[in-house]
Structure formats: C-alpha cells, structure tokens
PDB file of N, CA and C in Angstrom:
ATOM      1  N   MET A   1       6.837  -3.920   0.589  1.00  0.00           N
ATOM      2  CA  MET A   1       7.473  -2.624   0.649  1.00  0.00           C
ATOM      3  C   MET A   1       8.974  -2.807   0.784  1.00  0.00           C
ATOM      4  N   THR A   2       9.669  -2.021   0.083  1.00  0.00           N
ATOM      5  CA  THR A   2      11.120  -2.121   0.138  1.00  0.00           C
ATOM      6  C   THR A   2      11.707  -0.927   0.874  1.00  0.00           C
ATOM      7  N   ILE A   3      13.006  -0.932   0.966  1.00  0.00           N
ATOM      8  CA  ILE A   3      13.687   0.156   1.662  1.00  0.00           C
ATOM      9  C   ILE A   3      13.485   1.473   0.912  1.00  0.00           C
ATOM     10  N   GLY A   4      13.482   1.425  -0.391  1.00  0.00           N
ATOM     11  CA  GLY A   4      13.268   2.641  -1.186  1.00  0.00           C
ATOM     12  C   GLY A   4      11.898   3.246  -0.974  1.00  0.00           C
ATOM     13  N   THR A   5      10.891   2.403  -0.864  1.00  0.00           N
ATOM     14  CA  THR A   5       9.541   2.898  -0.587  1.00  0.00           C
ATOM     15  C   THR A   5       9.482   3.564   0.779  1.00  0.00           C
ATOM     16  N   GLY A   6      10.149   2.968   1.750  1.00  0.00           N
ATOM     17  CA  GLY A   6      10.189   3.553   3.090  1.00  0.00           C
ATOM     18  C   GLY A   6      10.866   4.904   3.111  1.00  0.00           C
ATOM     19  N   ILE A   7      11.976   5.015   2.392  1.00  0.00           N
ATOM     20  CA  ILE A   7      12.670   6.302   2.323  1.00  0.00           C
ATOM     21  C   ILE A   7      11.800   7.337   1.616  1.00  0.00           C
ATOM     22  N   GLY A   8      11.105   6.911   0.585  1.00  0.00           N
ATOM     23  CA  GLY A   8      10.190   7.821  -0.104  1.00  0.00           C
ATOM     24  C   GLY A   8       9.077   8.316   0.796  1.00  0.00           C
ATOM     25  N   LEU A   9       8.510   7.415   1.597  1.00  0.00           N
ATOM     26  CA  LEU A   9       7.470   7.825   2.543  1.00  0.00           C
ATOM     27  C   LEU A   9       8.022   8.764   3.606  1.00  0.00           C
ATOM     28  N   LEU A  10       9.240   8.511   4.048  1.00  0.00           N
ATOM     29  CA  LEU A  10       9.867   9.412   5.017  1.00  0.00           C
ATOM     30  C   LEU A  10      10.029  10.814   4.449  1.00  0.00           C
ATOM     31  N   VAL A  11      10.479  10.904   3.216  1.00  0.00           N
ATOM     32  CA  VAL A  11      10.690  12.205   2.579  1.00  0.00           C
ATOM     33  C   VAL A  11       9.361  12.929   2.382  1.00  0.00           C
ATOM     34  N   ILE A  12       8.368  12.223   1.876  1.00  0.00           N
ATOM     35  CA  ILE A  12       7.060  12.850   1.659  1.00  0.00           C
ATOM     36  C   ILE A  12       6.456  13.298   2.983  1.00  0.00           C
ATOM     37  N   GLY A  13       6.581  12.459   4.007  1.00  0.00           N
ATOM     38  CA  GLY A  13       6.048  12.823   5.320  1.00  0.00           C
ATOM     39  C   GLY A  13       6.754  14.025   5.913  1.00  0.00           C
ATOM     40  N   ALA A  14       8.081  14.089   5.753  1.00  0.00           N
ATOM     41  CA  ALA A  14       8.820  15.240   6.281  1.00  0.00           C
ATOM     42  C   ALA A  14       8.433  16.522   5.550  1.00  0.00           C
ATOM     43  N   ILE A  15       8.237  16.431   4.264  1.00  0.00           N
ATOM     44  CA  ILE A  15       7.818  17.617   3.499  1.00  0.00           C
ATOM     45  C   ILE A  15       6.443  18.080   3.954  1.00  0.00           C
ATOM     46  N   LEU A  16       5.515  17.130   4.111  1.00  0.00           N
ATOM     47  CA  LEU A  16       4.169  17.508   4.550  1.00  0.00           C
ATOM     48  C   LEU A  16       4.172  18.069   5.970  1.00  0.00           C
ATOM     49  N   SER A  17       5.002  17.519   6.833  1.00  0.00           N
ATOM     50  CA  SER A  17       4.999  17.943   8.238  1.00  0.00           C
ATOM     51  C   SER A  17       5.686  19.284   8.450  1.00  0.00           C
ATOM     52  N   PHE A  18       6.803  19.491   7.781  1.00  0.00           N
ATOM     53  CA  PHE A  18       7.645  20.632   8.129  1.00  0.00           C
ATOM     54  C   PHE A  18       7.695  21.738   7.068  1.00  0.00           C
ATOM     55  N   ALA A  19       7.443  21.411   5.818  1.00  0.00           N
ATOM     56  CA  ALA A  19       7.648  22.406   4.770  1.00  0.00           C
ATOM     57  C   ALA A  19       6.353  23.010   4.233  1.00  0.00           C
ATOM     58  N   VAL A  20       5.279  22.276   4.253  1.00  0.00           N
ATOM     59  CA  VAL A  20       4.034  22.775   3.675  1.00  0.00           C
ATOM     60  C   VAL A  20       3.312  23.618   4.715  1.00  0.00           C
ATOM     61  N   LYS A  21       3.051  24.865   4.370  1.00  0.00           N
ATOM     62  CA  LYS A  21       2.349  25.776   5.278  1.00  0.00           C
ATOM     63  C   LYS A  21       0.942  26.110   4.795  1.00  0.00           C
ATOM     64  N   ASN A  22       0.563  25.593   3.644  1.00  0.00           N
ATOM     65  CA  ASN A  22      -0.787  25.836   3.141  1.00  0.00           C
ATOM     66  C   ASN A  22      -1.788  25.019   3.949  1.00  0.00           C
ATOM     67  N   ALA A  23      -2.994  25.496   4.014  1.00  0.00           N
ATOM     68  CA  ALA A  23      -4.045  24.802   4.747  1.00  0.00           C
ATOM     69  C   ALA A  23      -5.079  24.270   3.764  1.00  0.00           C
ATOM     70  N   VAL A  24      -5.474  23.044   3.984  1.00  0.00           N
ATOM     71  CA  VAL A  24      -6.559  22.441   3.219  1.00  0.00           C
ATOM     72  C   VAL A  24      -7.723  22.275   4.185  1.00  0.00           C
ATOM     73  N   PRO A  25      -8.891  22.788   3.832  1.00  0.00           N
ATOM     74  CA  PRO A  25     -10.024  22.696   4.770  1.00  0.00           C
ATOM     75  C   PRO A  25     -10.361  21.234   5.096  1.00  0.00           C
ATOM     76  N   GLY A  26     -10.385  20.924   6.391  1.00  0.00           N
ATOM     77  CA  GLY A  26     -10.756  19.583   6.832  1.00  0.00           C
ATOM     78  C   GLY A  26      -9.624  18.582   6.834  1.00  0.00           C
ATOM     79  N   VAL A  27      -8.423  18.990   6.442  1.00  0.00           N
ATOM     80  CA  VAL A  27      -7.284  18.076   6.374  1.00  0.00           C
ATOM     81  C   VAL A  27      -6.124  18.686   7.144  1.00  0.00           C
ATOM     82  N   ASN A  28      -5.574  17.945   8.075  1.00  0.00           N
ATOM     83  CA  ASN A  28      -4.408  18.394   8.822  1.00  0.00           C
ATOM     84  C   ASN A  28      -3.164  17.769   8.176  1.00  0.00           C
ATOM     85  N   LEU A  29      -2.457  18.563   7.380  1.00  0.00           N
ATOM     86  CA  LEU A  29      -1.315  18.037   6.631  1.00  0.00           C
ATOM     87  C   LEU A  29      -0.164  17.630   7.543  1.00  0.00           C
ATOM     88  N   THR A  30      -0.054  18.252   8.697  1.00  0.00           N
ATOM     89  CA  THR A  30       1.013  17.889   9.630  1.00  0.00           C
ATOM     90  C   THR A  30       0.814  16.471  10.148  1.00  0.00           C
ATOM     91  N   VAL A  31      -0.415  16.129  10.494  1.00  0.00           N
ATOM     92  CA  VAL A  31      -0.699  14.778  10.990  1.00  0.00           C
ATOM     93  C   VAL A  31      -0.506  13.754   9.880  1.00  0.00           C
ATOM     94  N   ILE A  32      -0.933  14.070   8.679  1.00  0.00           N
ATOM     95  CA  ILE A  32      -0.726  13.158   7.552  1.00  0.00           C
ATOM     96  C   ILE A  32       0.763  12.952   7.308  1.00  0.00           C
ATOM     97  N   GLY A  33       1.546  14.011   7.448  1.00  0.00           N
ATOM     98  CA  GLY A  33       2.993  13.892   7.298  1.00  0.00           C
ATOM     99  C   GLY A  33       3.603  12.981   8.346  1.00  0.00           C
ATOM    100  N   TYR A  34       3.153  13.117   9.599  1.00  0.00           N
ATOM    101  CA  TYR A  34       3.655  12.243  10.659  1.00  0.00           C
ATOM    102  C   TYR A  34       3.263  10.785  10.417  1.00  0.00           C
ATOM    103  N   ILE A  35       2.062  10.569   9.910  1.00  0.00           N
ATOM    104  CA  ILE A  35       1.622   9.211   9.593  1.00  0.00           C
ATOM    105  C   ILE A  35       2.486   8.621   8.478  1.00  0.00           C
ATOM    106  N   CYS A  36       2.781   9.415   7.464  1.00  0.00           N
ATOM    107  CA  CYS A  36       3.646   8.944   6.373  1.00  0.00           C
ATOM    108  C   CYS A  36       5.054   8.642   6.878  1.00  0.00           C
ATOM    109  N   MET A  37       5.560   9.470   7.767  1.00  0.00           N
ATOM    110  CA  MET A  37       6.904   9.211   8.315  1.00  0.00           C
ATOM    111  C   MET A  37       6.906   7.940   9.165  1.00  0.00           C
ATOM    112  N   GLY A  38       5.851   7.708   9.936  1.00  0.00           N
ATOM    113  CA  GLY A  38       5.759   6.472  10.712  1.00  0.00           C
ATOM    114  C   GLY A  38       5.690   5.246   9.812  1.00  0.00           C
ATOM    115  N   ALA A  39       4.904   5.338   8.740  1.00  0.00           N
ATOM    116  CA  ALA A  39       4.832   4.229   7.792  1.00  0.00           C
ATOM    117  C   ALA A  39       6.176   4.022   7.088  1.00  0.00           C
ATOM    118  N   GLY A  40       6.891   5.109   6.825  1.00  0.00           N
ATOM    119  CA  GLY A  40       8.208   4.999   6.193  1.00  0.00           C
ATOM    120  C   GLY A  40       9.217   4.324   7.096  1.00  0.00           C
ATOM    121  N   VAL A  41       9.203   4.669   8.384  1.00  0.00           N
ATOM    122  CA  VAL A  41      10.114   4.017   9.333  1.00  0.00           C
ATOM    123  C   VAL A  41       9.796   2.532   9.410  1.00  0.00           C
ATOM    124  N   LEU A  42       8.514   2.193   9.479  1.00  0.00           N
ATOM    125  CA  LEU A  42       8.113   0.785   9.527  1.00  0.00           C
ATOM    126  C   LEU A  42       8.542   0.044   8.265  1.00  0.00           C
ATOM    127  N   ALA A  43       8.395   0.678   7.097  1.00  0.00           N
ATOM    128  CA  ALA A  43       8.783   0.045   5.844  1.00  0.00           C
ATOM    129  C   ALA A  43      10.290  -0.176   5.774  1.00  0.00           C
ATOM    130  N   VAL A  44      11.071   0.787   6.243  1.00  0.00           N
ATOM    131  CA  VAL A  44      12.535   0.621   6.240  1.00  0.00           C
ATOM    132  C   VAL A  44      12.946  -0.514   7.167  1.00  0.00           C
ATOM    133  N   ILE A  45      12.345  -0.574   8.353  1.00  0.00           N
ATOM    134  CA  ILE A  45      12.685  -1.642   9.299  1.00  0.00           C
ATOM    135  C   ILE A  45      12.314  -3.009   8.727  1.00  0.00           C
ATOM    136  N   LEU A  46      11.120  -3.140   8.165  1.00  0.00           N
ATOM    137  CA  LEU A  46      10.714  -4.415   7.581  1.00  0.00           C
ATOM    138  C   LEU A  46      11.582  -4.787   6.379  1.00  0.00           C
ATOM    139  N   GLY A  47      11.962  -3.802   5.588  1.00  0.00           N
ATOM    140  CA  GLY A  47      12.848  -4.071   4.453  1.00  0.00           C
ATOM    141  C   GLY A  47      14.215  -4.549   4.901  1.00  0.00           C
ATOM    142  N   LEU A  48      14.757  -3.938   5.952  1.00  0.00           N
ATOM    143  CA  LEU A  48      16.057  -4.372   6.471  1.00  0.00           C
ATOM    144  C   LEU A  48      15.978  -5.776   7.060  1.00  0.00           C
ATOM    145  N   ILE A  49      14.889  -6.088   7.753  1.00  0.00           N
ATOM    146  CA  ILE A  49      14.730  -7.425   8.326  1.00  0.00           C
ATOM    147  C   ILE A  49      14.619  -8.475   7.222  1.00  0.00           C
ATOM    148  N   SER A  50      13.804  -8.205   6.213  1.00  0.00           N
ATOM    149  CA  SER A  50      13.653  -9.191   5.136  1.00  0.00           C
ATOM    150  C   SER A  50      14.942  -9.331   4.331  1.00  0.00           C
ATOM    151  N   ASN A  51      15.689  -8.252   4.182  1.00  0.00           N
ATOM    152  CA  ASN A  51      16.966  -8.323   3.475  1.00  0.00           C
ATOM    153  C   ASN A  51      17.976  -9.127   4.277  1.00  0.00           C
ATOM    154  N   ALA A  52      17.983  -8.962   5.586  1.00  0.00           N
ATOM    155  CA  ALA A  52      18.910  -9.720   6.428  1.00  0.00           C
ATOM    156  C   ALA A  52      18.569 -11.208   6.404  1.00  0.00           C
ATOM    157  N   GLN A  53      17.292 -11.535   6.384  1.00  0.00           N
ATOM    158  CA  GLN A  53      16.898 -12.938   6.326  1.00  0.00           C
ATOM    159  C   GLN A  53      17.253 -13.550   4.975  1.00  0.00           C
ATOM    160  N   ALA A  54      17.151 -12.777   3.918  1.00  0.00           N
ATOM    161  CA  ALA A  54      17.453 -13.305   2.591  1.00  0.00           C
ATOM    162  C   ALA A  54      18.944 -13.568   2.411  1.00  0.00           C
ATOM    163  N   THR A  55      19.782 -12.788   3.075  1.00  0.00           N
ATOM    164  CA  THR A  55      21.222 -13.002   2.915  1.00  0.00           C
ATOM    165  C   THR A  55      21.729 -14.163   3.752  1.00  0.00           C
ATOM    166  N   HIS A  56      20.954 -14.591   4.754  1.00  0.00           N
ATOM    167  CA  HIS A  56      21.394 -15.696   5.607  1.00  0.00           C
ATOM    168  C   HIS A  56      20.787 -17.036   5.202  1.00  0.00           C
ATOM    169  N   THR A  57      20.151 -17.085   4.057  1.00  0.00           N
ATOM    170  CA  THR A  57      19.581 -18.353   3.619  1.00  0.00           C
ATOM    171  C   THR A  57      20.629 -19.165   2.894  1.00  0.00           C
ATOM    172  N   SER A  58      20.580 -20.435   3.086  1.00  0.00           N
ATOM    173  CA  SER A  58      21.507 -21.306   2.372  1.00  0.00           C
ATOM    174  C   SER A  58      20.704 -22.202   1.436  1.00  0.00           C
ATOM    175  N   HIS A  59      21.293 -22.489   0.318  1.00  0.00           N
ATOM    176  CA  HIS A  59      20.650 -23.339  -0.673  1.00  0.00           C
ATOM    177  C   HIS A  59      21.484 -24.595  -0.838  1.00  0.00           C
ATOM    178  N   ARG A  60      20.818 -25.711  -0.887  1.00  0.00           N
ATOM    179  CA  ARG A  60      21.507 -26.974  -1.016  1.00  0.00           C
ATOM    180  C   ARG A  60      21.071 -27.619  -2.316  1.00  0.00           C
ATOM    181  N   VAL A  61      22.042 -28.077  -3.091  1.00  0.00           N
ATOM    182  CA  VAL A  61      21.769 -28.738  -4.353  1.00  0.00           C
ATOM    183  C   VAL A  61      21.909 -30.236  -4.122  1.00  0.00           C
ATOM    184  N   VAL A  62      20.868 -30.956  -4.467  1.00  0.00           N
ATOM    185  CA  VAL A  62      20.886 -32.406  -4.334  1.00  0.00           C
ATOM    186  C   VAL A  62      21.103 -32.994  -5.718  1.00  0.00           C
ATOM    187  N   ARG A  63      22.179 -33.767  -5.835  1.00  0.00           N
ATOM    188  CA  ARG A  63      22.485 -34.390  -7.121  1.00  0.00           C
ATOM    189  C   ARG A  63      22.241 -35.885  -7.013  1.00  0.00           C
ATOM    190  N   ASP A  64      21.750 -36.438  -8.066  1.00  0.00           N
ATOM    191  CA  ASP A  64      21.531 -37.871  -8.138  1.00  0.00           C
ATOM    192  C   ASP A  64      22.492 -38.420  -9.187  1.00  0.00           C
ATOM    193  N   ASP A  65      23.517 -39.112  -8.733  1.00  0.00           N
ATOM    194  CA  ASP A  65      24.540 -39.615  -9.661  1.00  0.00           C
ATOM    195  C   ASP A  65      24.355 -41.096 -10.002  1.00  0.00           C
ATOM    196  N   ARG A  66      23.181 -41.598  -9.855  1.00  0.00           N
ATOM    197  CA  ARG A  66      22.960 -43.011 -10.189  1.00  0.00           C
ATOM    198  C   ARG A  66      23.003 -43.200 -11.695  1.00  0.00           C
ATOM    199  N   ASN A  67      23.534 -44.283 -12.093  1.00  0.00           N
ATOM    200  CA  ASN A  67      23.610 -44.629 -13.514  1.00  0.00           C
ATOM    201  C   ASN A  67      22.745 -45.842 -13.786  1.00  0.00           C
ATOM    202  N   ASP A  68      21.520 -45.781 -13.383  1.00  0.00           N
ATOM    203  CA  ASP A  68      20.607 -46.892 -13.608  1.00  0.00           C
ATOM    204  C   ASP A  68      20.152 -46.902 -15.058  1.00  0.00           C
ATOM    205  N   THR A  69      20.368 -47.997 -15.709  1.00  0.00           N
ATOM    206  CA  THR A  69      19.891 -48.136 -17.080  1.00  0.00           C
ATOM    207  C   THR A  69      18.817 -49.204 -17.072  1.00  0.00           C
ATOM    208  N   LEU A  70      17.729 -48.879 -17.663  1.00  0.00           N
ATOM    209  CA  LEU A  70      16.623 -49.817 -17.700  1.00  0.00           C
ATOM    210  C   LEU A  70      16.498 -50.502 -19.009  1.00  0.00           C
TER     211      LEU A  70
END
C-alpha cells in the first residue's frame, strides 16, 4: 500500500462516515467508513515509513580493476 492508497481510503471512509445518510439494511455505513479511515491512516503511516527507509539506503559499487590475462 502506498501513500496514495491511504489517502484514497481516508477520503472514502470520510464520505461513508459523514456524508452518506442513506441506510442499507444490515450494513452500518458509518462503522465501515471509520474502518476505512483507520486503514487509510495505517496505510499512510506505513507508506511514510517505507519511503523514509528507502531514502536512507546507500548503495555501494564494487569494481574489480584486475588486469589478469590468461
């Protein structure tokens, strides 16, 4: 999951929690919205952590300059 997915889940969850007033029998849209917002917050946090780890990685190039002729 990336940061964009997390933001998308946050938006969908907020719409379900606060904007939708229709009722679906057997489904509580407010709770589903809160669950989506919680998953979105988790996705954003994990995306930021993985992005921070990726920017702090160093790569080392090993060169072999031997001129061995067989």
